């Protein structure tokens, strides 16, 4: 099976759909074509946004830093991002906040060529990530340090804006020695004979790659919309765990995968483990990210996890028994 060439190479894709004229319109970005971002896709395609009066236009933007920039420019009302990009933006004066998280683990993996079987062999080599400042970049630097390697000195980190499938194409062509990707591309990479050198979830215990974020200003001005978005995402998450066939249809649509057996194996073996059933942000994951930031930025010294998350909407829904 080879679906990597079927992915679009454009910087972003806009998925348009028509909903009721009275629905609240918003642009909501996702940052990667991986199943861990499926709660957003399911909320759209299974009709949960429409059910709760939301006309959500989904926008695919590669790289957490670019998502942050688009949100601060007012082009996005909500988006998916890993914590590093949000924390750095806030330390520079932004008012971004996580309302919840769709994932509960670091779902990245380092894939290398067949001749690299040990991480020490990466000295002098290159690792392809997405956008500088995004989740793959951030976690790769942590991973290298935990293995005694200095990023950009012992191992060169290369920005690649082609998306995860494009990275796999580059590895296949021998243009780079290692890449950072997520399931299910990791499964295909192994089938192609490449080495899954490091599973990041084994190295970084507290992390998430899919936080649902907005600005505090937007949440304050649009509390009803935010609450309804979270209702839709909770509905979508329950759908993912209860409706395998429907979920696979939607995931296959967005990821452009037609191999049902492959999708089913991915759903059962990897995807369900990554999805956060409650949407509640992991405070330990935020604290872990802050610990990493404190190594290079004095401005993080007094920062607390609560500065970057807002669970009052989820708290309200939980209290209501939703």
Protein backbone atom coordinates (compact mmCIF):
# COMPACT_ATOMS: atom_id res chain seq x y z
CA UNK A 1 0.00 0.00 0.00
CA UNK A 2 1.25 3.46 -0.87
CA UNK A 3 -0.83 6.48 0.03
CA UNK A 4 1.91 8.98 0.81
CA UNK A 5 1.94 10.51 -2.69
CA UNK A 6 -1.78 11.19 -2.60
CA UNK A 7 -1.50 13.86 0.10
CA UNK A 8 -1.66 17.49 -1.03
CA UNK A 9 1.59 19.43 -0.84
CA UNK A 10 -0.11 22.79 -0.43
CA UNK A 11 0.49 24.83 2.70
CA UNK A 12 -3.09 24.44 3.83
CA UNK A 13 -6.41 23.01 2.69
CA UNK A 14 -9.78 24.52 3.39
CA UNK A 15 -12.71 22.15 3.80
CA UNK A 16 -15.97 23.98 3.14
CA UNK A 17 -19.47 22.84 4.02
CA UNK A 18 -22.80 24.60 4.11
CA UNK A 19 -24.77 24.65 7.33
CA UNK A 20 -27.74 26.56 8.67
CA UNK A 21 -27.55 30.29 8.09
CA UNK A 22 -28.11 30.95 11.79
CA UNK A 23 -25.15 28.87 12.96
CA UNK A 24 -22.18 30.55 14.62
CA UNK A 25 -19.33 30.66 12.11
CA UNK A 26 -15.72 30.00 13.10
CA UNK A 27 -12.48 28.80 11.55
CA UNK A 28 -10.89 25.86 13.38
CA UNK A 29 -7.44 24.60 12.37
CA UNK A 30 -5.83 21.20 12.69
CA UNK A 31 -2.09 20.77 12.33
CA UNK A 32 -1.51 17.25 11.10
CA UNK A 33 -3.17 14.53 9.02
CA UNK A 34 -3.11 11.93 11.78
CA UNK A 35 -5.92 10.13 13.58
CA UNK A 36 -5.19 11.77 16.92
CA UNK A 37 -6.78 14.91 15.46
CA UNK A 38 -9.92 13.01 14.46
CA UNK A 39 -12.23 14.39 17.19
CA UNK A 40 -12.31 17.63 15.22
CA UNK A 41 -12.97 15.85 11.91
CA UNK A 42 -15.72 13.71 13.44
CA UNK A 43 -17.36 16.73 15.06
CA UNK A 44 -17.60 18.22 11.58
CA UNK A 45 -18.49 15.21 9.43
CA UNK A 46 -20.79 13.41 11.87
CA UNK A 47 -22.83 16.58 12.31
CA UNK A 48 -22.04 17.43 15.92
CA UNK A 49 -20.97 20.99 15.20
CA UNK A 50 -24.18 21.52 13.26
CA UNK A 51 -26.19 19.90 16.08
CA UNK A 52 -24.84 22.50 18.51
CA UNK A 53 -25.27 25.49 16.19
CA UNK A 54 -21.68 25.80 15.00
CA UNK A 55 -20.68 26.39 11.38
CA UNK A 56 -17.03 25.29 11.67
CA UNK A 57 -14.73 25.61 8.69
CA UNK A 58 -11.76 23.27 9.16
CA UNK A 59 -8.38 24.53 8.02
CA UNK A 60 -5.25 22.37 7.73
CA UNK A 61 -2.14 24.34 8.71
CA UNK A 62 1.23 22.66 9.20
CA UNK A 63 3.15 23.79 12.29
CA UNK A 64 2.02 25.04 15.69
CA UNK A 65 3.83 28.35 15.34
CA UNK A 66 1.94 29.19 12.15
CA UNK A 67 -1.35 28.25 13.83
CA UNK A 68 -0.53 30.68 16.64
CA UNK A 69 0.27 33.44 14.17
CA UNK A 70 -2.98 32.88 12.26
CA UNK A 71 -4.99 32.97 15.48
CA UNK A 72 -3.36 36.15 16.71
CA UNK A 73 -4.05 37.70 13.30
CA UNK A 74 -7.75 36.92 13.73
CA UNK A 75 -7.86 34.43 10.84
CA UNK A 76 -8.67 31.57 13.21
CA UNK A 77 -10.97 31.43 16.21
CA UNK A 78 -9.81 28.01 17.43
CA UNK A 79 -7.07 25.57 16.60
CA UNK A 80 -5.12 22.48 17.56
CA UNK A 81 -1.58 22.89 18.86
CA UNK A 82 1.02 21.25 21.07
CA UNK A 83 1.86 23.16 24.27
CA UNK A 84 5.28 24.52 23.33
CA UNK A 85 4.04 26.97 20.70
CA UNK A 86 1.24 28.29 22.93
CA UNK A 87 3.47 28.75 25.97
CA UNK A 88 6.13 30.62 24.00
CA UNK A 89 3.53 32.90 22.42
CA UNK A 90 2.03 33.73 25.81
CA UNK A 91 5.41 34.54 27.28
CA UNK A 92 5.70 37.12 24.52
CA UNK A 93 2.42 38.75 25.49
CA UNK A 94 -0.30 36.68 23.79
CA UNK A 95 -3.48 35.54 25.54
CA UNK A 96 -3.85 32.02 24.14
CA UNK A 97 -5.34 29.26 26.27
CA UNK A 98 -6.08 25.55 26.04
CA UNK A 99 -9.76 24.74 26.55
CA UNK A 100 -9.16 20.99 26.37
CA UNK A 101 -7.01 18.37 24.70
CA UNK A 102 -7.88 15.70 22.17
CA UNK A 103 -4.80 13.61 22.86
CA UNK A 104 -3.15 12.29 25.98
CA UNK A 105 0.32 11.24 24.78
CA UNK A 106 3.23 12.22 22.57
CA UNK A 107 2.30 10.38 19.39
CA UNK A 108 5.50 11.09 17.44
CA UNK A 109 8.21 8.61 16.47
CA UNK A 110 11.68 8.94 14.99
CA UNK A 111 12.02 6.92 11.80
CA UNK A 112 15.45 6.33 10.28
CA UNK A 113 17.02 4.73 7.27
CA UNK A 114 17.82 1.05 7.30
CA UNK A 115 21.49 1.70 8.09
CA UNK A 116 20.75 3.54 11.37
CA UNK A 117 19.82 1.13 14.15
CA UNK A 118 21.13 3.06 17.17
CA UNK A 119 20.48 6.67 18.10
CA UNK A 120 24.23 7.30 18.53
CA UNK A 121 24.58 6.80 14.80
CA UNK A 122 22.67 10.04 14.29
CA UNK A 123 25.72 12.16 15.12
CA UNK A 124 26.39 14.35 12.12
CA UNK A 125 23.08 13.36 10.54
CA UNK A 126 19.82 15.21 9.90
CA UNK A 127 16.31 14.77 11.31
CA UNK A 128 13.39 16.20 9.36
CA UNK A 129 10.59 17.79 11.38
CA UNK A 130 7.72 20.10 10.44
CA UNK A 131 7.67 23.79 11.30
CA UNK A 132 10.29 25.07 13.75
CA UNK A 133 8.52 25.58 17.07
CA UNK A 134 5.88 22.92 16.37
CA UNK A 135 5.31 19.68 18.26
CA UNK A 136 7.74 17.47 16.26
CA UNK A 137 10.52 20.05 16.63
CA UNK A 138 9.87 20.62 20.32
CA UNK A 139 9.69 16.96 21.30
CA UNK A 140 12.64 15.98 19.13
CA UNK A 141 14.91 18.41 20.95
CA UNK A 142 13.79 16.94 24.28
CA UNK A 143 14.27 13.39 22.98
CA UNK A 144 17.80 14.11 21.74
CA UNK A 145 18.84 15.71 25.02
CA UNK A 146 17.53 12.72 26.95
CA UNK A 147 19.81 10.55 24.82
CA UNK A 148 22.85 12.77 25.43
CA UNK A 149 22.80 14.49 22.03
CA UNK A 150 22.85 18.26 21.53
CA UNK A 151 20.26 19.48 19.01
CA UNK A 152 21.71 21.44 16.07
CA UNK A 153 25.23 20.51 17.16
CA UNK A 154 25.39 16.73 17.31
CA UNK A 155 22.28 16.30 15.16
CA UNK A 156 20.92 18.82 12.68
CA UNK A 157 17.16 19.47 12.88
CA UNK A 158 15.76 20.31 9.45
CA UNK A 159 12.51 22.18 8.89
CA UNK A 160 10.30 20.46 6.28
CA UNK A 161 7.01 22.11 5.32
CA UNK A 162 5.69 19.27 3.18
CA UNK A 163 3.72 17.65 6.00
CA UNK A 164 4.37 14.19 7.42
CA UNK A 165 3.80 12.25 4.17
CA UNK A 166 6.34 14.47 2.43
CA UNK A 167 8.90 13.64 5.08
CA UNK A 168 8.43 9.95 4.42
CA UNK A 169 8.89 10.58 0.69
CA UNK A 170 12.15 12.41 1.46
CA UNK A 171 13.38 9.54 3.63
CA UNK A 172 12.46 7.07 0.92
CA UNK A 173 14.43 9.12 -1.61
CA UNK A 174 17.49 9.21 0.66
CA UNK A 175 17.32 12.99 0.94
CA UNK A 176 17.45 12.85 4.77
CA UNK A 177 18.60 10.34 7.38
CA UNK A 178 15.71 10.54 9.86
CA UNK A 179 12.19 11.97 10.13
CA UNK A 180 9.61 12.56 12.84
CA UNK A 181 6.11 11.30 11.99
CA UNK A 182 3.05 9.86 13.71
CA UNK A 183 0.89 6.77 13.25
CA UNK A 184 -0.35 5.53 10.86
CA UNK A 185 2.58 6.67 8.72
CA UNK A 186 4.88 4.99 11.22
CA UNK A 187 3.18 1.69 10.36
CA UNK A 188 3.75 2.21 6.66
CA UNK A 189 7.35 3.25 7.27
CA UNK A 190 7.99 -0.02 9.10
CA UNK A 191 6.34 -1.93 6.27
CA UNK A 192 8.74 -0.20 3.89
CA UNK A 193 11.68 -1.48 5.91
CA UNK A 194 12.63 1.66 7.81
CA UNK A 195 13.52 1.60 11.50
CA UNK A 196 11.24 2.97 14.21
CA UNK A 197 14.18 4.17 16.26
CA UNK A 198 12.41 6.02 19.09
CA UNK A 199 8.79 5.99 20.22
CA UNK A 200 8.47 9.40 21.87
CA UNK A 201 5.77 8.23 24.28
CA UNK A 202 8.41 6.03 25.92
CA UNK A 203 10.77 8.98 26.41
CA UNK A 204 8.32 11.77 27.21
CA UNK A 205 5.75 10.46 29.71
CA UNK A 206 3.65 13.61 30.07
CA UNK A 207 2.77 15.38 26.86
CA UNK A 208 -0.03 16.01 24.40
CA UNK A 209 0.12 16.96 20.75
CA UNK A 210 -3.48 18.02 20.23
CA UNK A 211 -4.65 20.80 22.52
CA UNK A 212 -7.79 22.76 21.56
CA UNK A 213 -6.87 26.41 21.93
CA UNK A 214 -8.36 29.86 21.49
CA UNK A 215 -7.66 33.32 22.88
CA UNK A 216 -8.93 34.27 26.32
CA UNK A 217 -10.56 37.27 24.69
CA UNK A 218 -12.56 35.09 22.30
CA UNK A 219 -13.62 32.77 25.13
CA UNK A 220 -14.70 35.73 27.24
CA UNK A 221 -16.69 37.32 24.41
CA UNK A 222 -18.19 34.07 23.08
CA UNK A 223 -18.79 31.75 26.05
CA UNK A 224 -21.83 30.09 24.49
CA UNK A 225 -19.94 29.28 21.30
CA UNK A 226 -16.99 27.86 23.21
CA UNK A 227 -19.27 25.69 25.32
CA UNK A 228 -21.05 24.37 22.23
CA UNK A 229 -17.77 23.61 20.50
CA UNK A 230 -16.73 21.52 23.50
CA UNK A 231 -20.09 19.77 23.51
CA UNK A 232 -19.53 18.83 19.88
CA UNK A 233 -15.99 17.61 20.56
CA UNK A 234 -17.18 15.50 23.51
CA UNK A 235 -19.89 14.00 21.30
CA UNK A 236 -17.29 13.30 18.62
CA UNK A 237 -14.95 11.61 21.09
CA UNK A 238 -17.73 9.30 22.27
CA UNK A 239 -18.56 8.54 18.65
CA UNK A 240 -14.93 7.56 17.98
CA UNK A 241 -14.98 4.99 20.78
CA UNK A 242 -18.41 3.61 19.92
CA UNK A 243 -18.59 3.69 16.12
CA UNK A 244 -15.59 2.08 14.49
CA UNK A 245 -16.99 1.94 10.95
CA UNK A 246 -18.15 5.55 10.94
CA UNK A 247 -14.88 6.77 12.42
CA UNK A 248 -12.79 4.88 9.87
CA UNK A 249 -14.82 6.38 7.04
CA UNK A 250 -14.11 9.91 8.27
CA UNK A 251 -10.45 9.27 9.10
CA UNK A 252 -9.93 7.66 5.71
CA UNK A 253 -11.57 10.65 4.03
CA UNK A 254 -9.28 13.20 5.67
CA UNK A 255 -6.13 11.12 5.46
CA UNK A 256 -6.96 9.87 1.96
CA UNK A 257 -6.47 6.24 2.88
CA UNK A 258 -8.64 3.65 1.15
CA UNK A 259 -7.09 0.50 2.61
CA UNK A 260 -9.78 -0.45 5.15
CA UNK A 261 -7.76 -3.25 6.78
CA UNK A 262 -4.87 -0.85 7.33
CA UNK A 263 -7.19 1.78 8.82
CA UNK A 264 -8.84 -0.76 11.08
CA UNK A 265 -5.51 -2.00 12.44
CA UNK A 266 -4.38 1.57 13.04
CA UNK A 267 -7.65 2.47 14.79
CA UNK A 268 -7.53 -0.53 17.11
CA UNK A 269 -3.79 -0.65 17.83
CA UNK A 270 -2.82 3.02 18.00
CA UNK A 271 -5.52 5.62 17.57
CA UNK A 272 -7.79 4.70 20.47
CA UNK A 273 -4.80 4.83 22.82
CA UNK A 274 -4.06 8.40 21.79
CA UNK A 275 -7.51 9.95 22.17
CA UNK A 276 -8.33 11.75 25.42
CA UNK A 277 -11.84 10.61 26.42
CA UNK A 278 -12.54 13.50 28.82
CA UNK A 279 -10.81 16.34 26.92
CA UNK A 280 -9.34 17.55 30.22
CA UNK A 281 -5.79 18.91 29.80
CA UNK A 282 -3.04 17.02 31.60
CA UNK A 283 -1.56 19.50 34.09
CA UNK A 284 1.57 17.33 34.35
CA UNK A 285 2.10 17.71 30.59
CA UNK A 286 1.96 21.50 30.87
CA UNK A 287 4.35 21.44 33.82
CA UNK A 288 6.73 19.16 31.91
CA UNK A 289 6.78 21.62 29.02
CA UNK A 290 7.39 24.51 31.41
CA UNK A 291 10.32 22.64 32.94
CA UNK A 292 11.88 22.38 29.50
CA UNK A 293 11.28 26.05 28.77
CA UNK A 294 12.83 27.12 32.08
CA UNK A 295 16.18 25.75 30.90
CA UNK A 296 16.49 28.50 28.31
CA UNK A 297 14.07 31.25 29.32
CA UNK A 298 14.13 33.10 32.66
CA UNK A 299 10.66 34.44 31.83
CA UNK A 300 9.20 31.00 32.54
CA UNK A 301 10.40 30.91 36.14
CA UNK A 302 7.12 32.06 37.66
CA UNK A 303 4.78 30.51 35.09
CA UNK A 304 2.26 27.91 36.28
CA UNK A 305 0.22 25.36 34.32
CA UNK A 306 -2.96 27.23 35.21
CA UNK A 307 -1.71 30.21 33.23
CA UNK A 308 -2.21 28.27 30.02
CA UNK A 309 -5.40 26.25 30.53
CA UNK A 310 -9.03 27.14 31.14
CA UNK A 311 -11.25 24.23 32.19
CA UNK A 312 -14.26 26.23 33.39
CA UNK A 313 -16.28 25.24 30.33
CA UNK A 314 -15.47 21.55 30.74
CA UNK A 315 -16.11 21.88 34.47
CA UNK A 316 -19.58 23.28 33.73
CA UNK A 317 -20.38 20.47 31.29
CA UNK A 318 -19.16 17.83 33.72
CA UNK A 319 -21.28 19.31 36.50
CA UNK A 320 -24.28 19.14 34.18
CA UNK A 321 -23.52 15.51 33.47
CA UNK A 322 -22.86 16.10 29.80
